[in-house]
Amino acid sequence: MPPDRALIFVLDTSAIIYGFNPQLVEGEHYTTPRVTSELSGKKTKALIDLYVSSGRLKIREPKAETKDQVKAQASATGDLPVLSETDLEVVALALELKQEGRETVVVSDDYSLQNLCTLLSIPFKPMVTKGISQEFWWFIYCPACGATYDSSSKLIECQVCGHALKRKVYSKKHISWENQTASK
């Protein structure tokens, strides 16, 4: 990374809960309105207010088109059923900042969110977990009758027999550590 370009960190809910402190990490820091709405507890909310008022954390909502682009990719990989709207918004914000030519890293311990970041070539940094080492493509199936469903499906039970649906990997590829996380 050139020295004149600041690294941008996009924080998901887990990053804040596990103690990521924008005042201690060099670079710009962003999160989304949905992330802040998920945070509870007076201490956490007071910290967020302090970070925002000091200018160390910016709250920004990604554009609808970027959200749609991220949702389409999540649908294609089969990650959509397990990603929340907040997760999708975090990745959309990171993608939008990346498309603006900014070097962006998502800080998250969510494996499905990391998988989506990998597929969109957005680096990520976990807080307390090791992070993923493979990218996955999923399909949805019924373990009882064998029916399969489009990976974008938000169904939770089989339309044929009523059994609970599951996800299964149909393709995976090893990813290198350099490609998945920010520079140390």
C-alpha atoms as a PDB file:
ATOM      1  CA  MET A   1       0.000   0.000   0.000  1.00  0.00           C
ATOM      2  CA  PRO A   2       1.419   3.414  -0.887  1.00  0.00           C
ATOM      3  CA  PRO A   3       2.194   5.493   2.232  1.00  0.00           C
ATOM      4  CA  ASP A   4      -0.097   8.340   1.118  1.00  0.00           C
ATOM      5  CA  ARG A   5      -3.215   6.141   1.077  1.00  0.00           C
ATOM      6  CA  ALA A   6      -4.888   5.419   4.389  1.00  0.00           C
ATOM      7  CA  LEU A   7      -6.291   1.966   4.964  1.00  0.00           C
ATOM      8  CA  ILE A   8     -10.058   1.920   5.484  1.00  0.00           C
ATOM      9  CA  PHE A   9     -11.575  -0.464   8.023  1.00  0.00           C
ATOM     10  CA  VAL A  10     -15.255  -1.364   7.750  1.00  0.00           C
ATOM     11  CA  LEU A  11     -16.463  -2.735  11.077  1.00  0.00           C
ATOM     12  CA  ASP A  12     -19.225  -5.233  11.537  1.00  0.00           C
ATOM     13  CA  THR A  13     -21.065  -5.775  14.811  1.00  0.00           C
ATOM     14  CA  SER A  14     -18.672  -8.483  16.032  1.00  0.00           C
ATOM     15  CA  ALA A  15     -15.660  -6.190  15.556  1.00  0.00           C
ATOM     16  CA  ILE A  16     -17.166  -3.609  17.876  1.00  0.00           C
ATOM     17  CA  ILE A  17     -18.400  -6.174  20.393  1.00  0.00           C
ATOM     18  CA  TYR A  18     -14.957  -7.811  20.539  1.00  0.00           C
ATOM     19  CA  GLY A  19     -13.319  -4.461  21.207  1.00  0.00           C
ATOM     20  CA  PHE A  20     -11.973  -3.029  17.956  1.00  0.00           C
ATOM     21  CA  ASN A  21     -10.945   0.498  18.928  1.00  0.00           C
ATOM     22  CA  PRO A  22     -10.781   3.003  16.047  1.00  0.00           C
ATOM     23  CA  GLN A  23      -8.799   5.372  18.271  1.00  0.00           C
ATOM     24  CA  LEU A  24      -5.935   2.866  18.497  1.00  0.00           C
ATOM     25  CA  VAL A  25      -5.781   1.679  14.879  1.00  0.00           C
ATOM     26  CA  GLU A  26      -4.321   3.938  12.203  1.00  0.00           C
ATOM     27  CA  GLY A  27      -6.591   4.542   9.202  1.00  0.00           C
ATOM     28  CA  GLU A  28     -10.176   5.512   8.538  1.00  0.00           C
ATOM     29  CA  HIS A  29     -13.011   3.590  10.163  1.00  0.00           C
ATOM     30  CA  TYR A  30     -16.545   3.084   8.914  1.00  0.00           C
ATOM     31  CA  THR A  31     -19.598   1.160   9.943  1.00  0.00           C
ATOM     32  CA  THR A  32     -23.230   1.129   8.870  1.00  0.00           C
ATOM     33  CA  PRO A  33     -26.468   2.309  10.495  1.00  0.00           C
ATOM     34  CA  ARG A  34     -27.626  -1.298  10.921  1.00  0.00           C
ATOM     35  CA  VAL A  35     -24.476  -2.182  12.870  1.00  0.00           C
ATOM     36  CA  THR A  36     -25.007   0.673  15.302  1.00  0.00           C
ATOM     37  CA  SER A  37     -28.660  -0.304  15.751  1.00  0.00           C
ATOM     38  CA  GLU A  38     -27.610  -3.863  16.709  1.00  0.00           C
ATOM     39  CA  LEU A  39     -25.363  -2.681  19.516  1.00  0.00           C
ATOM     40  CA  SER A  40     -26.801  -2.734  22.990  1.00  0.00           C
ATOM     41  CA  GLY A  41     -25.495  -1.752  26.360  1.00  0.00           C
ATOM     42  CA  LYS A  42     -24.807   1.721  27.673  1.00  0.00           C
ATOM     43  CA  LYS A  43     -21.018   1.304  27.620  1.00  0.00           C
ATOM     44  CA  THR A  44     -20.924   0.121  23.991  1.00  0.00           C
ATOM     45  CA  LYS A  45     -23.274   2.879  22.838  1.00  0.00           C
ATOM     46  CA  ALA A  46     -21.235   5.476  24.755  1.00  0.00           C
ATOM     47  CA  LEU A  47     -18.045   4.233  23.055  1.00  0.00           C
ATOM     48  CA  ILE A  48     -19.658   4.421  19.607  1.00  0.00           C
ATOM     49  CA  ASP A  49     -20.865   7.955  20.349  1.00  0.00           C
ATOM     50  CA  LEU A  50     -17.322   8.897  21.438  1.00  0.00           C
ATOM     51  CA  TYR A  51     -15.753   7.389  18.295  1.00  0.00           C
ATOM     52  CA  VAL A  52     -18.273   9.159  16.054  1.00  0.00           C
ATOM     53  CA  SER A  53     -18.022  12.536  17.815  1.00  0.00           C
ATOM     54  CA  SER A  54     -14.199  12.396  17.702  1.00  0.00           C
ATOM     55  CA  GLY A  55     -14.310  11.665  13.961  1.00  0.00           C
ATOM     56  CA  ARG A  56     -12.586   8.280  14.327  1.00  0.00           C
ATOM     57  CA  LEU A  57     -15.682   6.364  13.189  1.00  0.00           C
ATOM     58  CA  LYS A  58     -17.960   7.322  10.331  1.00  0.00           C
ATOM     59  CA  ILE A  59     -21.421   5.879   9.845  1.00  0.00           C
ATOM     60  CA  ARG A  60     -22.384   5.492   6.202  1.00  0.00           C
ATOM     61  CA  GLU A  61     -25.140   3.632   4.427  1.00  0.00           C
ATOM     62  CA  PRO A  62     -24.185   2.059   1.101  1.00  0.00           C
ATOM     63  CA  LYS A  63     -26.176   2.808  -2.027  1.00  0.00           C
ATOM     64  CA  ALA A  64     -29.082   0.565  -2.976  1.00  0.00           C
ATOM     65  CA  GLU A  65     -27.315  -0.517  -6.197  1.00  0.00           C
ATOM     66  CA  THR A  66     -24.277  -1.701  -4.236  1.00  0.00           C
ATOM     67  CA  LYS A  67     -26.495  -3.585  -1.790  1.00  0.00           C
ATOM     68  CA  ASP A  68     -28.208  -5.272  -4.755  1.00  0.00           C
ATOM     69  CA  GLN A  69     -24.840  -6.228  -6.249  1.00  0.00           C
ATOM     70  CA  VAL A  70     -23.702  -7.795  -2.963  1.00  0.00           C
ATOM     71  CA  LYS A  71     -27.016  -9.574  -2.496  1.00  0.00           C
ATOM     72  CA  ALA A  72     -26.743 -11.050  -6.008  1.00  0.00           C
ATOM     73  CA  GLN A  73     -23.236 -12.369  -5.272  1.00  0.00           C
ATOM     74  CA  ALA A  74     -24.383 -13.806  -1.926  1.00  0.00           C
ATOM     75  CA  SER A  75     -27.282 -15.448  -3.719  1.00  0.00           C
ATOM     76  CA  ALA A  76     -24.996 -16.964  -6.341  1.00  0.00           C
ATOM     77  CA  THR A  77     -22.684 -18.489  -3.727  1.00  0.00           C
ATOM     78  CA  GLY A  78     -25.440 -19.762  -1.457  1.00  0.00           C
ATOM     79  CA  ASP A  79     -24.446 -17.483   1.428  1.00  0.00           C
ATOM     80  CA  LEU A  80     -27.612 -15.378   1.230  1.00  0.00           C
ATOM     81  CA  PRO A  81     -29.764 -17.540   3.548  1.00  0.00           C
ATOM     82  CA  VAL A  82     -27.303 -17.179   6.444  1.00  0.00           C
ATOM     83  CA  LEU A  83     -26.298 -13.541   6.001  1.00  0.00           C
ATOM     84  CA  SER A  84     -28.313 -10.863   7.774  1.00  0.00           C
ATOM     85  CA  GLU A  85     -29.246  -7.542   6.213  1.00  0.00           C
ATOM     86  CA  THR A  86     -26.576  -6.033   8.471  1.00  0.00           C
ATOM     87  CA  ASP A  87     -23.927  -8.402   7.067  1.00  0.00           C
ATOM     88  CA  LEU A  88     -24.934  -7.523   3.514  1.00  0.00           C
ATOM     89  CA  GLU A  89     -24.841  -3.810   4.330  1.00  0.00           C
ATOM     90  CA  VAL A  90     -21.298  -4.099   5.787  1.00  0.00           C
ATOM     91  CA  VAL A  91     -20.007  -5.889   2.683  1.00  0.00           C
ATOM     92  CA  ALA A  92     -21.832  -3.427   0.413  1.00  0.00           C
ATOM     93  CA  LEU A  93     -20.182  -0.490   2.172  1.00  0.00           C
ATOM     94  CA  ALA A  94     -16.754  -2.116   1.818  1.00  0.00           C
ATOM     95  CA  LEU A  95     -17.400  -2.804  -1.873  1.00  0.00           C
ATOM     96  CA  GLU A  96     -18.580   0.752  -2.444  1.00  0.00           C
ATOM     97  CA  LEU A  97     -15.440   2.178  -0.793  1.00  0.00           C
ATOM     98  CA  LYS A  98     -13.308  -0.225  -2.841  1.00  0.00           C
ATOM     99  CA  GLN A  99     -15.054   0.892  -6.043  1.00  0.00           C
ATOM    100  CA  GLU A 100     -14.161   4.467  -5.072  1.00  0.00           C
ATOM    101  CA  GLY A 101     -10.509   3.387  -5.269  1.00  0.00           C
ATOM    102  CA  ARG A 102      -9.934   3.124  -1.541  1.00  0.00           C
ATOM    103  CA  GLU A 103      -8.036   0.266   0.103  1.00  0.00           C
ATOM    104  CA  THR A 104     -10.652  -1.377   2.282  1.00  0.00           C
ATOM    105  CA  VAL A 105     -10.596  -4.158   4.896  1.00  0.00           C
ATOM    106  CA  VAL A 106     -13.663  -5.631   6.593  1.00  0.00           C
ATOM    107  CA  VAL A 107     -13.215  -6.473  10.270  1.00  0.00           C
ATOM    108  CA  SER A 108     -15.467  -9.441  11.091  1.00  0.00           C
ATOM    109  CA  ASP A 109     -15.504 -12.905  12.639  1.00  0.00           C
ATOM    110  CA  ASP A 110     -18.505 -14.030  10.583  1.00  0.00           C
ATOM    111  CA  TYR A 111     -17.377 -16.865   8.283  1.00  0.00           C
ATOM    112  CA  SER A 112     -20.120 -16.376   5.692  1.00  0.00           C
ATOM    113  CA  LEU A 113     -19.376 -12.655   5.571  1.00  0.00           C
ATOM    114  CA  GLN A 114     -15.665 -13.477   5.129  1.00  0.00           C
ATOM    115  CA  ASN A 115     -16.558 -15.898   2.332  1.00  0.00           C
ATOM    116  CA  LEU A 116     -18.530 -13.201   0.541  1.00  0.00           C
ATOM    117  CA  CYS A 117     -15.667 -10.720   0.997  1.00  0.00           C
ATOM    118  CA  THR A 118     -13.238 -13.224  -0.501  1.00  0.00           C
ATOM    119  CA  LEU A 119     -15.430 -13.757  -3.543  1.00  0.00           C
ATOM    120  CA  LEU A 120     -15.659  -9.971  -4.045  1.00  0.00           C
ATOM    121  CA  SER A 121     -11.866  -9.562  -3.558  1.00  0.00           C
ATOM    122  CA  ILE A 122     -12.331  -7.529  -0.389  1.00  0.00           C
ATOM    123  CA  PRO A 123      -9.706  -8.268   2.262  1.00  0.00           C
ATOM    124  CA  PHE A 124     -10.935  -9.072   5.763  1.00  0.00           C
ATOM    125  CA  LYS A 125      -9.435  -9.252   9.218  1.00  0.00           C
ATOM    126  CA  PRO A 126     -10.939 -11.428  11.958  1.00  0.00           C
ATOM    127  CA  MET A 127     -10.900 -10.275  15.587  1.00  0.00           C
ATOM    128  CA  VAL A 128     -10.891 -13.477  17.671  1.00  0.00           C
ATOM    129  CA  THR A 129     -11.163 -16.313  15.151  1.00  0.00           C
ATOM    130  CA  LYS A 130      -8.592 -17.590  12.682  1.00  0.00           C
ATOM    131  CA  GLY A 131     -10.773 -16.641   9.722  1.00  0.00           C
ATOM    132  CA  ILE A 132     -11.572 -18.757   6.692  1.00  0.00           C
ATOM    133  CA  SER A 133      -8.938 -20.441   4.554  1.00  0.00           C
ATOM    134  CA  GLN A 134     -11.241 -21.597   1.737  1.00  0.00           C
ATOM    135  CA  GLU A 135     -13.986 -19.943  -0.258  1.00  0.00           C
ATOM    136  CA  PHE A 136     -17.222 -21.912  -0.469  1.00  0.00           C
ATOM    137  CA  TRP A 137     -20.127 -22.235  -2.872  1.00  0.00           C
ATOM    138  CA  TRP A 138     -23.244 -23.755  -1.304  1.00  0.00           C
ATOM    139  CA  PHE A 139     -26.483 -25.410  -2.308  1.00  0.00           C
ATOM    140  CA  ILE A 140     -29.626 -25.924  -0.242  1.00  0.00           C
ATOM    141  CA  TYR A 141     -31.113 -29.383   0.095  1.00  0.00           C
ATOM    142  CA  CYS A 142     -33.532 -31.508   2.067  1.00  0.00           C
ATOM    143  CA  PRO A 143     -31.732 -34.296   3.949  1.00  0.00           C
ATOM    144  CA  ALA A 144     -34.991 -36.283   4.130  1.00  0.00           C
ATOM    145  CA  CYS A 145     -36.202 -36.428   0.517  1.00  0.00           C
ATOM    146  CA  GLY A 146     -33.187 -35.053  -1.376  1.00  0.00           C
ATOM    147  CA  ALA A 147     -34.960 -32.091  -2.978  1.00  0.00           C
ATOM    148  CA  THR A 148     -32.610 -29.238  -3.850  1.00  0.00           C
ATOM    149  CA  TYR A 149     -33.304 -25.536  -3.974  1.00  0.00           C
ATOM    150  CA  ASP A 150     -31.763 -22.485  -5.550  1.00  0.00           C
ATOM    151  CA  SER A 151     -28.917 -21.194  -3.389  1.00  0.00           C
ATOM    152  CA  SER A 152     -30.664 -17.828  -3.145  1.00  0.00           C
ATOM    153  CA  SER A 153     -33.645 -19.402  -1.432  1.00  0.00           C
ATOM    154  CA  LYS A 154     -34.549 -18.132   2.009  1.00  0.00           C
ATOM    155  CA  LEU A 155     -36.715 -21.223   2.569  1.00  0.00           C
ATOM    156  CA  ILE A 156     -36.178 -23.038   5.854  1.00  0.00           C
ATOM    157  CA  GLU A 157     -38.298 -26.098   5.203  1.00  0.00           C
ATOM    158  CA  CYS A 158     -38.706 -28.416   2.244  1.00  0.00           C
ATOM    159  CA  GLN A 159     -41.603 -27.601  -0.077  1.00  0.00           C
ATOM    160  CA  VAL A 160     -41.908 -31.324  -0.877  1.00  0.00           C
ATOM    161  CA  CYS A 161     -41.863 -33.036   2.535  1.00  0.00           C
ATOM    162  CA  GLY A 162     -41.702 -30.258   5.125  1.00  0.00           C
ATOM    163  CA  HIS A 163     -38.345 -31.303   6.605  1.00  0.00           C
ATOM    164  CA  ALA A 164     -35.832 -28.622   7.726  1.00  0.00           C
ATOM    165  CA  LEU A 165     -33.460 -27.628   4.915  1.00  0.00           C
ATOM    166  CA  LYS A 166     -29.679 -27.620   5.186  1.00  0.00           C
ATOM    167  CA  ARG A 167     -26.773 -26.070   3.293  1.00  0.00           C
ATOM    168  CA  LYS A 168     -24.006 -28.143   1.792  1.00  0.00           C
ATOM    169  CA  VAL A 169     -20.777 -27.145   0.087  1.00  0.00           C
ATOM    170  CA  TYR A 170     -20.684 -28.064  -3.579  1.00  0.00           C
ATOM    171  CA  SER A 171     -17.445 -26.274  -4.417  1.00  0.00           C
ATOM    172  CA  LYS A 172     -14.522 -24.947  -2.415  1.00  0.00           C
ATOM    173  CA  LYS A 173     -11.183 -23.415  -3.216  1.00  0.00           C
ATOM    174  CA  HIS A 174      -8.203 -22.702  -0.976  1.00  0.00           C
ATOM    175  CA  ILE A 175      -7.416 -19.029  -0.573  1.00  0.00           C
ATOM    176  CA  SER A 176      -4.019 -17.680   0.364  1.00  0.00           C
ATOM    177  CA  TRP A 177      -3.559 -15.764   3.605  1.00  0.00           C
ATOM    178  CA  GLU A 178      -2.229 -12.746   1.690  1.00  0.00           C
ATOM    179  CA  ASN A 179      -5.422 -12.528  -0.356  1.00  0.00           C
ATOM    180  CA  GLN A 180      -7.815 -12.772   2.557  1.00  0.00           C
ATOM    181  CA  THR A 181      -6.473 -10.389   5.175  1.00  0.00           C
ATOM    182  CA  ALA A 182      -4.975  -6.969   5.441  1.00  0.00           C
ATOM    183  CA  SER A 183      -1.270  -6.397   5.860  1.00  0.00           C
ATOM    184  CA  LYS A 184      -0.128  -6.970   9.404  1.00  0.00           C
END
